[in-house]
Amino acid sequence: MIESLFTGLLTGGIYARVAVAYSIIYTTTRVVNFALGEIVMIAAMVTYTCFSIWAIPFLPALIIGCAAAVLVNLIIRT
């Protein structure tokens, strides 16, 4: 029961952050960025790969995943 509660809260938190990102992008540019889902998925997969396959601790893996998302976003925009 507790594990399901935490899983639901974490999933809801991810959805909320993506929704806030859509809102901020649309409010500032008046354009819907459909690539945002791809960027979030790249960050999640890089973090998962670093954490589970390469056995990097979670916080550095999360930082690497965010850095990969930033790098992909910069490449897409130029």
N, C-alpha and C. Protein backbone atom coordinates (compact mmCIF):
# COMPACT_ATOMS: atom_id res chain seq x y z
N MET A 1 0.82 -1.20 0.00
CA MET A 1 0.00 0.00 0.00
C MET A 1 0.86 1.26 0.00
N ILE A 2 1.86 1.30 0.87
CA ILE A 2 2.73 2.48 0.94
C ILE A 2 3.54 2.63 -0.34
N GLU A 3 4.01 1.51 -0.87
CA GLU A 3 4.79 1.57 -2.10
C GLU A 3 3.95 2.10 -3.27
N SER A 4 2.71 1.70 -3.35
CA SER A 4 1.81 2.21 -4.39
C SER A 4 1.56 3.70 -4.22
N LEU A 5 1.47 4.14 -2.98
CA LEU A 5 1.27 5.56 -2.71
C LEU A 5 2.47 6.38 -3.19
N PHE A 6 3.66 5.93 -2.86
CA PHE A 6 4.87 6.64 -3.29
C PHE A 6 5.05 6.60 -4.80
N THR A 7 4.73 5.47 -5.42
CA THR A 7 4.83 5.37 -6.87
C THR A 7 3.86 6.33 -7.55
N GLY A 8 2.65 6.41 -7.03
CA GLY A 8 1.68 7.35 -7.57
C GLY A 8 2.09 8.80 -7.38
N LEU A 9 2.66 9.12 -6.22
CA LEU A 9 3.12 10.48 -5.98
C LEU A 9 4.29 10.85 -6.90
N LEU A 10 5.20 9.92 -7.11
CA LEU A 10 6.33 10.20 -8.00
C LEU A 10 5.88 10.36 -9.45
N THR A 11 4.98 9.51 -9.89
CA THR A 11 4.46 9.63 -11.25
C THR A 11 3.70 10.94 -11.43
N GLY A 12 2.88 11.28 -10.45
CA GLY A 12 2.16 12.55 -10.50
C GLY A 12 3.09 13.74 -10.49
N GLY A 13 4.19 13.64 -9.75
CA GLY A 13 5.18 14.72 -9.73
C GLY A 13 5.84 14.92 -11.08
N ILE A 14 6.12 13.81 -11.76
CA ILE A 14 6.71 13.91 -13.10
C ILE A 14 5.72 14.56 -14.07
N TYR A 15 4.47 14.11 -14.01
CA TYR A 15 3.45 14.71 -14.88
C TYR A 15 3.27 16.20 -14.58
N ALA A 16 3.31 16.56 -13.30
CA ALA A 16 3.14 17.97 -12.93
C ALA A 16 4.29 18.82 -13.45
N ARG A 17 5.50 18.31 -13.37
CA ARG A 17 6.65 19.07 -13.87
C ARG A 17 6.60 19.24 -15.38
N VAL A 18 6.18 18.21 -16.08
CA VAL A 18 6.05 18.32 -17.53
C VAL A 18 4.95 19.33 -17.88
N ALA A 19 3.85 19.31 -17.13
CA ALA A 19 2.76 20.26 -17.37
C ALA A 19 3.21 21.70 -17.10
N VAL A 20 3.99 21.90 -16.05
CA VAL A 20 4.51 23.24 -15.76
C VAL A 20 5.47 23.68 -16.87
N ALA A 21 6.28 22.77 -17.38
CA ALA A 21 7.19 23.11 -18.47
C ALA A 21 6.41 23.51 -19.72
N TYR A 22 5.35 22.74 -20.05
CA TYR A 22 4.50 23.12 -21.19
C TYR A 22 3.89 24.50 -20.98
N SER A 23 3.43 24.75 -19.76
CA SER A 23 2.80 26.03 -19.46
C SER A 23 3.78 27.19 -19.59
N ILE A 24 4.98 27.02 -19.07
CA ILE A 24 5.98 28.09 -19.15
C ILE A 24 6.38 28.35 -20.59
N ILE A 25 6.61 27.30 -21.36
CA ILE A 25 7.00 27.47 -22.76
C ILE A 25 5.89 28.13 -23.55
N TYR A 26 4.65 27.69 -23.34
CA TYR A 26 3.54 28.27 -24.10
C TYR A 26 3.29 29.72 -23.69
N THR A 27 3.40 30.02 -22.40
CA THR A 27 3.16 31.39 -21.93
C THR A 27 4.19 32.36 -22.48
N THR A 28 5.44 31.94 -22.55
CA THR A 28 6.49 32.86 -23.00
C THR A 28 6.59 32.96 -24.51
N THR A 29 6.30 31.88 -25.24
CA THR A 29 6.52 31.91 -26.69
C THR A 29 5.24 31.80 -27.51
N ARG A 30 4.14 31.42 -26.89
CA ARG A 30 2.87 31.18 -27.58
C ARG A 30 3.00 30.09 -28.64
N VAL A 31 3.91 29.15 -28.41
CA VAL A 31 4.11 28.00 -29.29
C VAL A 31 4.14 26.75 -28.42
N VAL A 32 3.44 25.71 -28.85
CA VAL A 32 3.46 24.44 -28.11
C VAL A 32 4.68 23.65 -28.58
N ASN A 33 5.54 23.31 -27.65
CA ASN A 33 6.77 22.57 -27.96
C ASN A 33 6.48 21.07 -27.85
N PHE A 34 6.24 20.41 -28.98
CA PHE A 34 5.94 18.98 -28.95
C PHE A 34 7.19 18.14 -28.71
N ALA A 35 8.37 18.72 -28.77
CA ALA A 35 9.59 17.98 -28.52
C ALA A 35 9.89 17.84 -27.02
N LEU A 36 9.09 18.47 -26.18
CA LEU A 36 9.35 18.43 -24.74
C LEU A 36 9.24 17.01 -24.19
N GLY A 37 8.28 16.24 -24.66
CA GLY A 37 8.15 14.85 -24.22
C GLY A 37 9.37 14.02 -24.57
N GLU A 38 9.92 14.26 -25.75
CA GLU A 38 11.13 13.55 -26.17
C GLU A 38 12.32 13.92 -25.29
N ILE A 39 12.43 15.18 -24.95
CA ILE A 39 13.54 15.63 -24.12
C ILE A 39 13.44 15.04 -22.72
N VAL A 40 12.23 15.01 -22.17
CA VAL A 40 12.02 14.40 -20.85
C VAL A 40 12.36 12.92 -20.90
N MET A 41 11.98 12.24 -21.96
CA MET A 41 12.27 10.81 -22.08
C MET A 41 13.76 10.55 -22.23
N ILE A 42 14.47 11.41 -22.94
CA ILE A 42 15.93 11.26 -23.06
C ILE A 42 16.58 11.40 -21.69
N ALA A 43 16.15 12.40 -20.92
CA ALA A 43 16.70 12.59 -19.58
C ALA A 43 16.42 11.37 -18.70
N ALA A 44 15.21 10.83 -18.78
CA ALA A 44 14.86 9.66 -17.98
C ALA A 44 15.67 8.44 -18.37
N MET A 45 15.84 8.22 -19.66
CA MET A 45 16.59 7.03 -20.11
C MET A 45 18.07 7.13 -19.81
N VAL A 46 18.64 8.33 -19.95
CA VAL A 46 20.06 8.50 -19.61
C VAL A 46 20.27 8.31 -18.12
N THR A 47 19.36 8.85 -17.31
CA THR A 47 19.47 8.66 -15.86
C THR A 47 19.34 7.19 -15.49
N TYR A 48 18.39 6.50 -16.09
CA TYR A 48 18.21 5.07 -15.83
C TYR A 48 19.44 4.27 -16.25
N THR A 49 19.98 4.58 -17.41
CA THR A 49 21.17 3.86 -17.89
C THR A 49 22.35 4.08 -16.96
N CYS A 50 22.57 5.31 -16.56
CA CYS A 50 23.69 5.60 -15.66
C CYS A 50 23.52 4.91 -14.31
N PHE A 51 22.29 4.92 -13.80
CA PHE A 51 22.03 4.38 -12.46
C PHE A 51 22.05 2.86 -12.44
N SER A 52 21.36 2.22 -13.36
CA SER A 52 21.19 0.77 -13.26
C SER A 52 22.25 -0.02 -14.02
N ILE A 53 22.68 0.47 -15.16
CA ILE A 53 23.63 -0.31 -15.96
C ILE A 53 25.07 0.02 -15.60
N TRP A 54 25.37 1.32 -15.48
CA TRP A 54 26.75 1.73 -15.19
C TRP A 54 27.02 1.86 -13.70
N ALA A 55 26.02 1.64 -12.85
CA ALA A 55 26.14 1.65 -11.39
C ALA A 55 26.68 2.97 -10.83
N ILE A 56 26.28 4.07 -11.44
CA ILE A 56 26.60 5.39 -10.92
C ILE A 56 25.56 5.72 -9.85
N PRO A 57 25.95 6.32 -8.72
CA PRO A 57 24.95 6.68 -7.70
C PRO A 57 23.86 7.59 -8.28
N PHE A 58 22.70 7.61 -7.60
CA PHE A 58 21.52 8.23 -8.18
C PHE A 58 21.69 9.71 -8.45
N LEU A 59 22.20 10.47 -7.50
CA LEU A 59 22.29 11.93 -7.69
C LEU A 59 23.22 12.30 -8.85
N PRO A 60 24.42 11.74 -8.97
CA PRO A 60 25.22 12.03 -10.16
C PRO A 60 24.56 11.55 -11.46
N ALA A 61 23.86 10.43 -11.40
CA ALA A 61 23.15 9.95 -12.60
C ALA A 61 22.05 10.92 -12.99
N LEU A 62 21.36 11.48 -12.01
CA LEU A 62 20.32 12.47 -12.28
C LEU A 62 20.91 13.73 -12.90
N ILE A 63 22.04 14.16 -12.41
CA ILE A 63 22.71 15.34 -12.97
C ILE A 63 23.15 15.07 -14.40
N ILE A 64 23.68 13.89 -14.66
CA ILE A 64 24.09 13.52 -16.02
C ILE A 64 22.88 13.48 -16.95
N GLY A 65 21.76 12.94 -16.47
CA GLY A 65 20.54 12.89 -17.28
C GLY A 65 20.03 14.28 -17.62
N CYS A 66 20.05 15.18 -16.63
CA CYS A 66 19.63 16.57 -16.89
C CYS A 66 20.57 17.26 -17.87
N ALA A 67 21.86 17.00 -17.72
CA ALA A 67 22.83 17.59 -18.64
C ALA A 67 22.62 17.07 -20.07
N ALA A 68 22.29 15.80 -20.20
CA ALA A 68 22.00 15.24 -21.53
C ALA A 68 20.76 15.90 -22.13
N ALA A 69 19.74 16.14 -21.31
CA ALA A 69 18.54 16.80 -21.81
C ALA A 69 18.84 18.22 -22.26
N VAL A 70 19.66 18.93 -21.49
CA VAL A 70 20.04 20.29 -21.87
C VAL A 70 20.82 20.27 -23.18
N LEU A 71 21.73 19.35 -23.32
CA LEU A 71 22.53 19.23 -24.54
C LEU A 71 21.65 18.94 -25.76
N VAL A 72 20.72 18.01 -25.62
CA VAL A 72 19.82 17.69 -26.73
C VAL A 72 18.95 18.90 -27.07
N ASN A 73 18.47 19.59 -26.05
CA ASN A 73 17.65 20.77 -26.29
C ASN A 73 18.44 21.85 -27.02
N LEU A 74 19.68 22.04 -26.65
CA LEU A 74 20.51 23.03 -27.35
C LEU A 74 20.76 22.63 -28.81
N ILE A 75 20.95 21.34 -29.04
CA ILE A 75 21.17 20.87 -30.41
C ILE A 75 19.90 21.05 -31.24
N ILE A 76 18.74 20.78 -30.66
CA ILE A 76 17.48 20.92 -31.39
C ILE A 76 17.23 22.38 -31.75
N ARG A 77 17.53 23.30 -30.86
CA ARG A 77 17.22 24.71 -31.08
C ARG A 77 18.17 25.40 -32.06
N THR A 78 19.34 24.84 -32.33
CA THR A 78 20.26 25.50 -33.25
C THR A 78 20.21 24.91 -34.62
